[in-house]
Amino acid sequence: MDRIEILRQINIIFAELLDNQNIQITEATVAYDIEDWDSLMHLQLAVAIEKNFEVRFNLQEIQSWVGVKDIIDSVVQRLN
């Protein structure tokens, strides 16, 4: 699975969690760019991504995510 497809799926996850079908994220999107991306959203996002991609992340890795690029990097690492 390439980065573009991972980003597409993560965008869907964001849209569902934020109940905003118009949201568009990029690899450059960081938590500060999205008003509702708080600590609770961060954990919900991690769980949804683990479920969607059938992978597991450790707590340190999840805490290190600053933005979408970090999330994609983690997914790519787990899938390869």
PDB file of N, CA and C in Angstrom:
ATOM      1  N   MET A   1       0.861  -1.174   0.000  1.00  0.00           N
ATOM      2  CA  MET A   1       0.000   0.000   0.000  1.00  0.00           C
ATOM      3  C   MET A   1       0.906   1.235   0.000  1.00  0.00           C
ATOM      4  N   ASP A   2       0.620   2.169  -0.878  1.00  0.00           N
ATOM      5  CA  ASP A   2       1.465   3.366  -0.965  1.00  0.00           C
ATOM      6  C   ASP A   2       0.954   4.486  -0.050  1.00  0.00           C
ATOM      7  N   ARG A   3       1.774   5.511   0.088  1.00  0.00           N
ATOM      8  CA  ARG A   3       1.472   6.624   0.997  1.00  0.00           C
ATOM      9  C   ARG A   3       0.184   7.348   0.602  1.00  0.00           C
ATOM     10  N   ILE A   4      -0.084   7.444  -0.686  1.00  0.00           N
ATOM     11  CA  ILE A   4      -1.292   8.143  -1.150  1.00  0.00           C
ATOM     12  C   ILE A   4      -2.541   7.399  -0.691  1.00  0.00           C
ATOM     13  N   GLU A   5      -2.525   6.075  -0.801  1.00  0.00           N
ATOM     14  CA  GLU A   5      -3.673   5.282  -0.364  1.00  0.00           C
ATOM     15  C   GLU A   5      -3.823   5.335   1.160  1.00  0.00           C
ATOM     16  N   ILE A   6      -2.715   5.296   1.863  1.00  0.00           N
ATOM     17  CA  ILE A   6      -2.771   5.411   3.327  1.00  0.00           C
ATOM     18  C   ILE A   6      -3.362   6.760   3.719  1.00  0.00           C
ATOM     19  N   LEU A   7      -2.910   7.826   3.070  1.00  0.00           N
ATOM     20  CA  LEU A   7      -3.444   9.164   3.343  1.00  0.00           C
ATOM     21  C   LEU A   7      -4.938   9.220   3.049  1.00  0.00           C
ATOM     22  N   ARG A   8      -5.363   8.611   1.954  1.00  0.00           N
ATOM     23  CA  ARG A   8      -6.786   8.603   1.597  1.00  0.00           C
ATOM     24  C   ARG A   8      -7.602   7.942   2.708  1.00  0.00           C
ATOM     25  N   GLN A   9      -7.130   6.814   3.193  1.00  0.00           N
ATOM     26  CA  GLN A   9      -7.858   6.105   4.246  1.00  0.00           C
ATOM     27  C   GLN A   9      -7.830   6.875   5.568  1.00  0.00           C
ATOM     28  N   ILE A  10      -6.710   7.500   5.871  1.00  0.00           N
ATOM     29  CA  ILE A  10      -6.629   8.309   7.091  1.00  0.00           C
ATOM     30  C   ILE A  10      -7.564   9.511   6.990  1.00  0.00           C
ATOM     31  N   ASN A  11      -7.701  10.079   5.809  1.00  0.00           N
ATOM     32  CA  ASN A  11      -8.631  11.197   5.614  1.00  0.00           C
ATOM     33  C   ASN A  11     -10.061  10.757   5.931  1.00  0.00           C
ATOM     34  N   ILE A  12     -10.417   9.553   5.510  1.00  0.00           N
ATOM     35  CA  ILE A  12     -11.748   9.014   5.798  1.00  0.00           C
ATOM     36  C   ILE A  12     -11.931   8.854   7.309  1.00  0.00           C
ATOM     37  N   ILE A  13     -10.903   8.362   7.982  1.00  0.00           N
ATOM     38  CA  ILE A  13     -10.963   8.193   9.437  1.00  0.00           C
ATOM     39  C   ILE A  13     -11.161   9.543  10.124  1.00  0.00           C
ATOM     40  N   PHE A  14     -10.401  10.546   9.712  1.00  0.00           N
ATOM     41  CA  PHE A  14     -10.568  11.895  10.275  1.00  0.00           C
ATOM     42  C   PHE A  14     -11.994  12.386  10.052  1.00  0.00           C
ATOM     43  N   ALA A  15     -12.504  12.220   8.848  1.00  0.00           N
ATOM     44  CA  ALA A  15     -13.854  12.691   8.523  1.00  0.00           C
ATOM     45  C   ALA A  15     -14.890  12.038   9.429  1.00  0.00           C
ATOM     46  N   GLU A  16     -14.737  10.743   9.667  1.00  0.00           N
ATOM     47  CA  GLU A  16     -15.685  10.034  10.527  1.00  0.00           C
ATOM     48  C   GLU A  16     -15.560  10.474  11.985  1.00  0.00           C
ATOM     49  N   LEU A  17     -14.338  10.568  12.487  1.00  0.00           N
ATOM     50  CA  LEU A  17     -14.145  10.942  13.890  1.00  0.00           C
ATOM     51  C   LEU A  17     -14.590  12.373  14.176  1.00  0.00           C
ATOM     52  N   LEU A  18     -14.381  13.255  13.210  1.00  0.00           N
ATOM     53  CA  LEU A  18     -14.737  14.667  13.393  1.00  0.00           C
ATOM     54  C   LEU A  18     -16.140  14.983  12.890  1.00  0.00           C
ATOM     55  N   ASP A  19     -16.799  13.967  12.317  1.00  0.00           N
ATOM     56  CA  ASP A  19     -18.127  14.154  11.733  1.00  0.00           C
ATOM     57  C   ASP A  19     -18.123  15.335  10.765  1.00  0.00           C
ATOM     58  N   ASN A  20     -17.114  15.326   9.893  1.00  0.00           N
ATOM     59  CA  ASN A  20     -16.935  16.401   8.914  1.00  0.00           C
ATOM     60  C   ASN A  20     -16.464  15.785   7.603  1.00  0.00           C
ATOM     61  N   GLN A  21     -17.405  15.534   6.712  1.00  0.00           N
ATOM     62  CA  GLN A  21     -17.075  14.885   5.442  1.00  0.00           C
ATOM     63  C   GLN A  21     -16.306  15.792   4.490  1.00  0.00           C
ATOM     64  N   ASN A  22     -16.207  17.064   4.799  1.00  0.00           N
ATOM     65  CA  ASN A  22     -15.504  18.010   3.924  1.00  0.00           C
ATOM     66  C   ASN A  22     -14.042  18.211   4.308  1.00  0.00           C
ATOM     67  N   ILE A  23     -13.601  17.595   5.391  1.00  0.00           N
ATOM     68  CA  ILE A  23     -12.226  17.807   5.844  1.00  0.00           C
ATOM     69  C   ILE A  23     -11.245  17.211   4.834  1.00  0.00           C
ATOM     70  N   GLN A  24     -10.188  17.927   4.581  1.00  0.00           N
ATOM     71  CA  GLN A  24      -9.127  17.460   3.690  1.00  0.00           C
ATOM     72  C   GLN A  24      -7.802  17.605   4.423  1.00  0.00           C
ATOM     73  N   ILE A  25      -7.150  16.494   4.649  1.00  0.00           N
ATOM     74  CA  ILE A  25      -5.854  16.539   5.303  1.00  0.00           C
ATOM     75  C   ILE A  25      -4.768  16.210   4.287  1.00  0.00           C
ATOM     76  N   THR A  26      -3.555  16.614   4.606  1.00  0.00           N
ATOM     77  CA  THR A  26      -2.389  16.299   3.785  1.00  0.00           C
ATOM     78  C   THR A  26      -1.306  15.771   4.720  1.00  0.00           C
ATOM     79  N   GLU A  27      -0.198  15.350   4.145  1.00  0.00           N
ATOM     80  CA  GLU A  27       0.916  14.906   4.988  1.00  0.00           C
ATOM     81  C   GLU A  27       1.437  16.054   5.848  1.00  0.00           C
ATOM     82  N   ALA A  28       1.204  17.274   5.418  1.00  0.00           N
ATOM     83  CA  ALA A  28       1.687  18.443   6.166  1.00  0.00           C
ATOM     84  C   ALA A  28       0.757  18.842   7.314  1.00  0.00           C
ATOM     85  N   THR A  29      -0.428  18.251   7.398  1.00  0.00           N
ATOM     86  CA  THR A  29      -1.378  18.585   8.452  1.00  0.00           C
ATOM     87  C   THR A  29      -0.828  18.155   9.808  1.00  0.00           C
ATOM     88  N   VAL A  30      -0.874  19.078  10.764  1.00  0.00           N
ATOM     89  CA  VAL A  30      -0.450  18.777  12.138  1.00  0.00           C
ATOM     90  C   VAL A  30      -1.625  19.017  13.081  1.00  0.00           C
ATOM     91  N   ALA A  31      -1.485  18.541  14.298  1.00  0.00           N
ATOM     92  CA  ALA A  31      -2.581  18.629  15.262  1.00  0.00           C
ATOM     93  C   ALA A  31      -3.085  20.055  15.440  1.00  0.00           C
ATOM     94  N   TYR A  32      -2.190  21.024  15.424  1.00  0.00           N
ATOM     95  CA  TYR A  32      -2.592  22.420  15.625  1.00  0.00           C
ATOM     96  C   TYR A  32      -3.453  22.959  14.484  1.00  0.00           C
ATOM     97  N   ASP A  33      -3.431  22.287  13.340  1.00  0.00           N
ATOM     98  CA  ASP A  33      -4.237  22.724  12.194  1.00  0.00           C
ATOM     99  C   ASP A  33      -5.709  22.362  12.346  1.00  0.00           C
ATOM    100  N   ILE A  34      -6.005  21.399  13.203  1.00  0.00           N
ATOM    101  CA  ILE A  34      -7.374  20.901  13.356  1.00  0.00           C
ATOM    102  C   ILE A  34      -7.827  21.172  14.786  1.00  0.00           C
ATOM    103  N   GLU A  35      -8.785  22.049  14.915  1.00  0.00           N
ATOM    104  CA  GLU A  35      -9.232  22.526  16.227  1.00  0.00           C
ATOM    105  C   GLU A  35      -9.595  21.393  17.181  1.00  0.00           C
ATOM    106  N   ASP A  36     -10.270  20.371  16.689  1.00  0.00           N
ATOM    107  CA  ASP A  36     -10.748  19.295  17.559  1.00  0.00           C
ATOM    108  C   ASP A  36      -9.741  18.166  17.766  1.00  0.00           C
ATOM    109  N   TRP A  37      -8.529  18.323  17.251  1.00  0.00           N
ATOM    110  CA  TRP A  37      -7.513  17.287  17.440  1.00  0.00           C
ATOM    111  C   TRP A  37      -6.843  17.502  18.797  1.00  0.00           C
ATOM    112  N   ASP A  38      -7.499  16.990  19.825  1.00  0.00           N
ATOM    113  CA  ASP A  38      -6.982  17.090  21.187  1.00  0.00           C
ATOM    114  C   ASP A  38      -6.481  15.712  21.629  1.00  0.00           C
ATOM    115  N   SER A  39      -6.165  15.558  22.901  1.00  0.00           N
ATOM    116  CA  SER A  39      -5.602  14.292  23.374  1.00  0.00           C
ATOM    117  C   SER A  39      -6.583  13.130  23.230  1.00  0.00           C
ATOM    118  N   LEU A  40      -7.856  13.376  23.469  1.00  0.00           N
ATOM    119  CA  LEU A  40      -8.856  12.325  23.302  1.00  0.00           C
ATOM    120  C   LEU A  40      -8.973  11.926  21.837  1.00  0.00           C
ATOM    121  N   MET A  41      -9.037  12.907  20.963  1.00  0.00           N
ATOM    122  CA  MET A  41      -9.099  12.637  19.527  1.00  0.00           C
ATOM    123  C   MET A  41      -7.856  11.864  19.085  1.00  0.00           C
ATOM    124  N   HIS A  42      -6.709  12.204  19.653  1.00  0.00           N
ATOM    125  CA  HIS A  42      -5.452  11.545  19.304  1.00  0.00           C
ATOM    126  C   HIS A  42      -5.544  10.041  19.589  1.00  0.00           C
ATOM    127  N   LEU A  43      -6.083   9.685  20.746  1.00  0.00           N
ATOM    128  CA  LEU A  43      -6.234   8.270  21.098  1.00  0.00           C
ATOM    129  C   LEU A  43      -7.287   7.583  20.243  1.00  0.00           C
ATOM    130  N   GLN A  44      -8.394   8.270  19.984  1.00  0.00           N
ATOM    131  CA  GLN A  44      -9.430   7.705  19.121  1.00  0.00           C
ATOM    132  C   GLN A  44      -8.880   7.474  17.716  1.00  0.00           C
ATOM    133  N   LEU A  45      -8.080   8.399  17.258  1.00  0.00           N
ATOM    134  CA  LEU A  45      -7.448   8.293  15.947  1.00  0.00           C
ATOM    135  C   LEU A  45      -6.522   7.075  15.900  1.00  0.00           C
ATOM    136  N   ALA A  46      -5.716   6.907  16.933  1.00  0.00           N
ATOM    137  CA  ALA A  46      -4.797   5.766  16.986  1.00  0.00           C
ATOM    138  C   ALA A  46      -5.560   4.443  16.935  1.00  0.00           C
ATOM    139  N   VAL A  47      -6.620   4.332  17.718  1.00  0.00           N
ATOM    140  CA  VAL A  47      -7.420   3.105  17.744  1.00  0.00           C
ATOM    141  C   VAL A  47      -8.059   2.852  16.379  1.00  0.00           C
ATOM    142  N   ALA A  48      -8.614   3.884  15.773  1.00  0.00           N
ATOM    143  CA  ALA A  48      -9.258   3.738  14.465  1.00  0.00           C
ATOM    144  C   ALA A  48      -8.251   3.337  13.389  1.00  0.00           C
ATOM    145  N   ILE A  49      -7.062   3.907  13.446  1.00  0.00           N
ATOM    146  CA  ILE A  49      -6.029   3.577  12.456  1.00  0.00           C
ATOM    147  C   ILE A  49      -5.549   2.143  12.661  1.00  0.00           C
ATOM    148  N   GLU A  50      -5.355   1.738  13.912  1.00  0.00           N
ATOM    149  CA  GLU A  50      -4.966   0.353  14.181  1.00  0.00           C
ATOM    150  C   GLU A  50      -6.003  -0.615  13.631  1.00  0.00           C
ATOM    151  N   LYS A  51      -7.260  -0.311  13.851  1.00  0.00           N
ATOM    152  CA  LYS A  51      -8.335  -1.179  13.384  1.00  0.00           C
ATOM    153  C   LYS A  51      -8.399  -1.195  11.857  1.00  0.00           C
ATOM    154  N   ASN A  52      -8.323  -0.036  11.250  1.00  0.00           N
ATOM    155  CA  ASN A  52      -8.440   0.072   9.797  1.00  0.00           C
ATOM    156  C   ASN A  52      -7.315  -0.671   9.072  1.00  0.00           C
ATOM    157  N   PHE A  53      -6.084  -0.492   9.544  1.00  0.00           N
ATOM    158  CA  PHE A  53      -4.926  -1.073   8.860  1.00  0.00           C
ATOM    159  C   PHE A  53      -4.483  -2.407   9.468  1.00  0.00           C
ATOM    160  N   GLU A  54      -5.195  -2.850  10.516  1.00  0.00           N
ATOM    161  CA  GLU A  54      -4.880  -4.106  11.194  1.00  0.00           C
ATOM    162  C   GLU A  54      -3.419  -4.136  11.648  1.00  0.00           C
ATOM    163  N   VAL A  55      -3.023  -3.081  12.359  1.00  0.00           N
ATOM    164  CA  VAL A  55      -1.676  -2.948  12.910  1.00  0.00           C
ATOM    165  C   VAL A  55      -1.792  -2.538  14.376  1.00  0.00           C
ATOM    166  N   ARG A  56      -0.671  -2.578  15.094  1.00  0.00           N
ATOM    167  CA  ARG A  56      -0.636  -2.133  16.485  1.00  0.00           C
ATOM    168  C   ARG A  56       0.530  -1.174  16.661  1.00  0.00           C
ATOM    169  N   PHE A  57       0.314  -0.136  17.453  1.00  0.00           N
ATOM    170  CA  PHE A  57       1.354   0.835  17.778  1.00  0.00           C
ATOM    171  C   PHE A  57       1.588   0.811  19.282  1.00  0.00           C
ATOM    172  N   ASN A  58       2.817   1.108  19.690  1.00  0.00           N
ATOM    173  CA  ASN A  58       3.059   1.223  21.125  1.00  0.00           C
ATOM    174  C   ASN A  58       2.754   2.659  21.558  1.00  0.00           C
ATOM    175  N   LEU A  59       2.608   2.841  22.842  1.00  0.00           N
ATOM    176  CA  LEU A  59       2.199   4.138  23.379  1.00  0.00           C
ATOM    177  C   LEU A  59       3.197   5.241  23.042  1.00  0.00           C
ATOM    178  N   GLN A  60       4.488   4.946  23.125  1.00  0.00           N
ATOM    179  CA  GLN A  60       5.499   5.958  22.801  1.00  0.00           C
ATOM    180  C   GLN A  60       5.357   6.441  21.365  1.00  0.00           C
ATOM    181  N   GLU A  61       5.094   5.516  20.468  1.00  0.00           N
ATOM    182  CA  GLU A  61       4.946   5.888  19.059  1.00  0.00           C
ATOM    183  C   GLU A  61       3.731   6.791  18.869  1.00  0.00           C
ATOM    184  N   ILE A  62       2.623   6.421  19.468  1.00  0.00           N
ATOM    185  CA  ILE A  62       1.403   7.223  19.354  1.00  0.00           C
ATOM    186  C   ILE A  62       1.633   8.622  19.925  1.00  0.00           C
ATOM    187  N   GLN A  63       2.313   8.701  21.052  1.00  0.00           N
ATOM    188  CA  GLN A  63       2.584   9.995  21.673  1.00  0.00           C
ATOM    189  C   GLN A  63       3.528  10.851  20.837  1.00  0.00           C
ATOM    190  N   SER A  64       4.331  10.220  20.001  1.00  0.00           N
ATOM    191  CA  SER A  64       5.292  10.977  19.186  1.00  0.00           C
ATOM    192  C   SER A  64       4.665  11.583  17.932  1.00  0.00           C
ATOM    193  N   TRP A  65       3.439  11.172  17.614  1.00  0.00           N
ATOM    194  CA  TRP A  65       2.788  11.704  16.417  1.00  0.00           C
ATOM    195  C   TRP A  65       2.475  13.184  16.605  1.00  0.00           C
ATOM    196  N   VAL A  66       3.053  14.005  15.744  1.00  0.00           N
ATOM    197  CA  VAL A  66       2.779  15.442  15.757  1.00  0.00           C
ATOM    198  C   VAL A  66       1.800  15.790  14.649  1.00  0.00           C
ATOM    199  N   GLY A  67       1.836  15.009  13.598  1.00  0.00           N
ATOM    200  CA  GLY A  67       0.978  15.283  12.454  1.00  0.00           C
ATOM    201  C   GLY A  67       0.755  14.045  11.610  1.00  0.00           C
ATOM    202  N   VAL A  68       0.096  14.255  10.502  1.00  0.00           N
ATOM    203  CA  VAL A  68      -0.303  13.167   9.616  1.00  0.00           C
ATOM    204  C   VAL A  68       0.911  12.445   9.030  1.00  0.00           C
ATOM    205  N   LYS A  69       1.967  13.174   8.724  1.00  0.00           N
ATOM    206  CA  LYS A  69       3.171  12.535   8.181  1.00  0.00           C
ATOM    207  C   LYS A  69       3.699  11.483   9.147  1.00  0.00           C
ATOM    208  N   ASP A  70       3.722  11.791  10.431  1.00  0.00           N
ATOM    209  CA  ASP A  70       4.197  10.838  11.437  1.00  0.00           C
ATOM    210  C   ASP A  70       3.309   9.594  11.473  1.00  0.00           C
ATOM    211  N   ILE A  71       2.013   9.806  11.351  1.00  0.00           N
ATOM    212  CA  ILE A  71       1.072   8.684  11.357  1.00  0.00           C
ATOM    213  C   ILE A  71       1.316   7.800  10.139  1.00  0.00           C
ATOM    214  N   ILE A  72       1.433   8.415   8.972  1.00  0.00           N
ATOM    215  CA  ILE A  72       1.673   7.648   7.749  1.00  0.00           C
ATOM    216  C   ILE A  72       2.989   6.883   7.855  1.00  0.00           C
ATOM    217  N   ASP A  73       4.029   7.529   8.367  1.00  0.00           N
ATOM    218  CA  ASP A  73       5.318   6.850   8.547  1.00  0.00           C
ATOM    219  C   ASP A  73       5.155   5.603   9.416  1.00  0.00           C
ATOM    220  N   SER A  74       4.387   5.712  10.485  1.00  0.00           N
ATOM    221  CA  SER A  74       4.164   4.574  11.378  1.00  0.00           C
ATOM    222  C   SER A  74       3.408   3.454  10.677  1.00  0.00           C
ATOM    223  N   VAL A  75       2.391   3.811   9.916  1.00  0.00           N
ATOM    224  CA  VAL A  75       1.617   2.802   9.188  1.00  0.00           C
ATOM    225  C   VAL A  75       2.502   2.112   8.154  1.00  0.00           C
ATOM    226  N   VAL A  76       3.254   2.888   7.389  1.00  0.00           N
ATOM    227  CA  VAL A  76       4.144   2.315   6.371  1.00  0.00           C
ATOM    228  C   VAL A  76       5.121   1.344   7.025  1.00  0.00           C
ATOM    229  N   GLN A  77       5.684   1.738   8.145  1.00  0.00           N
ATOM    230  CA  GLN A  77       6.645   0.886   8.848  1.00  0.00           C
ATOM    231  C   GLN A  77       6.007  -0.437   9.262  1.00  0.00           C
ATOM    232  N   ARG A  78       4.771  -0.391   9.727  1.00  0.00           N
ATOM    233  CA  ARG A  78       4.089  -1.612  10.172  1.00  0.00           C
ATOM    234  C   ARG A  78       3.671  -2.499   8.995  1.00  0.00           C
ATOM    235  N   LEU A  79       3.324  -1.898   7.879  1.00  0.00           N
ATOM    236  CA  LEU A  79       2.841  -2.673   6.734  1.00  0.00           C
ATOM    237  C   LEU A  79       3.972  -3.286   5.915  1.00  0.00           C
ATOM    238  N   ASN A  80       5.174  -2.769   6.071  1.00  0.00           N
ATOM    239  CA  ASN A  80       6.310  -3.290   5.283  1.00  0.00           C
ATOM    240  C   ASN A  80       7.141  -4.271   6.070  1.00  0.00           C
TER     241      ASN A  80
END
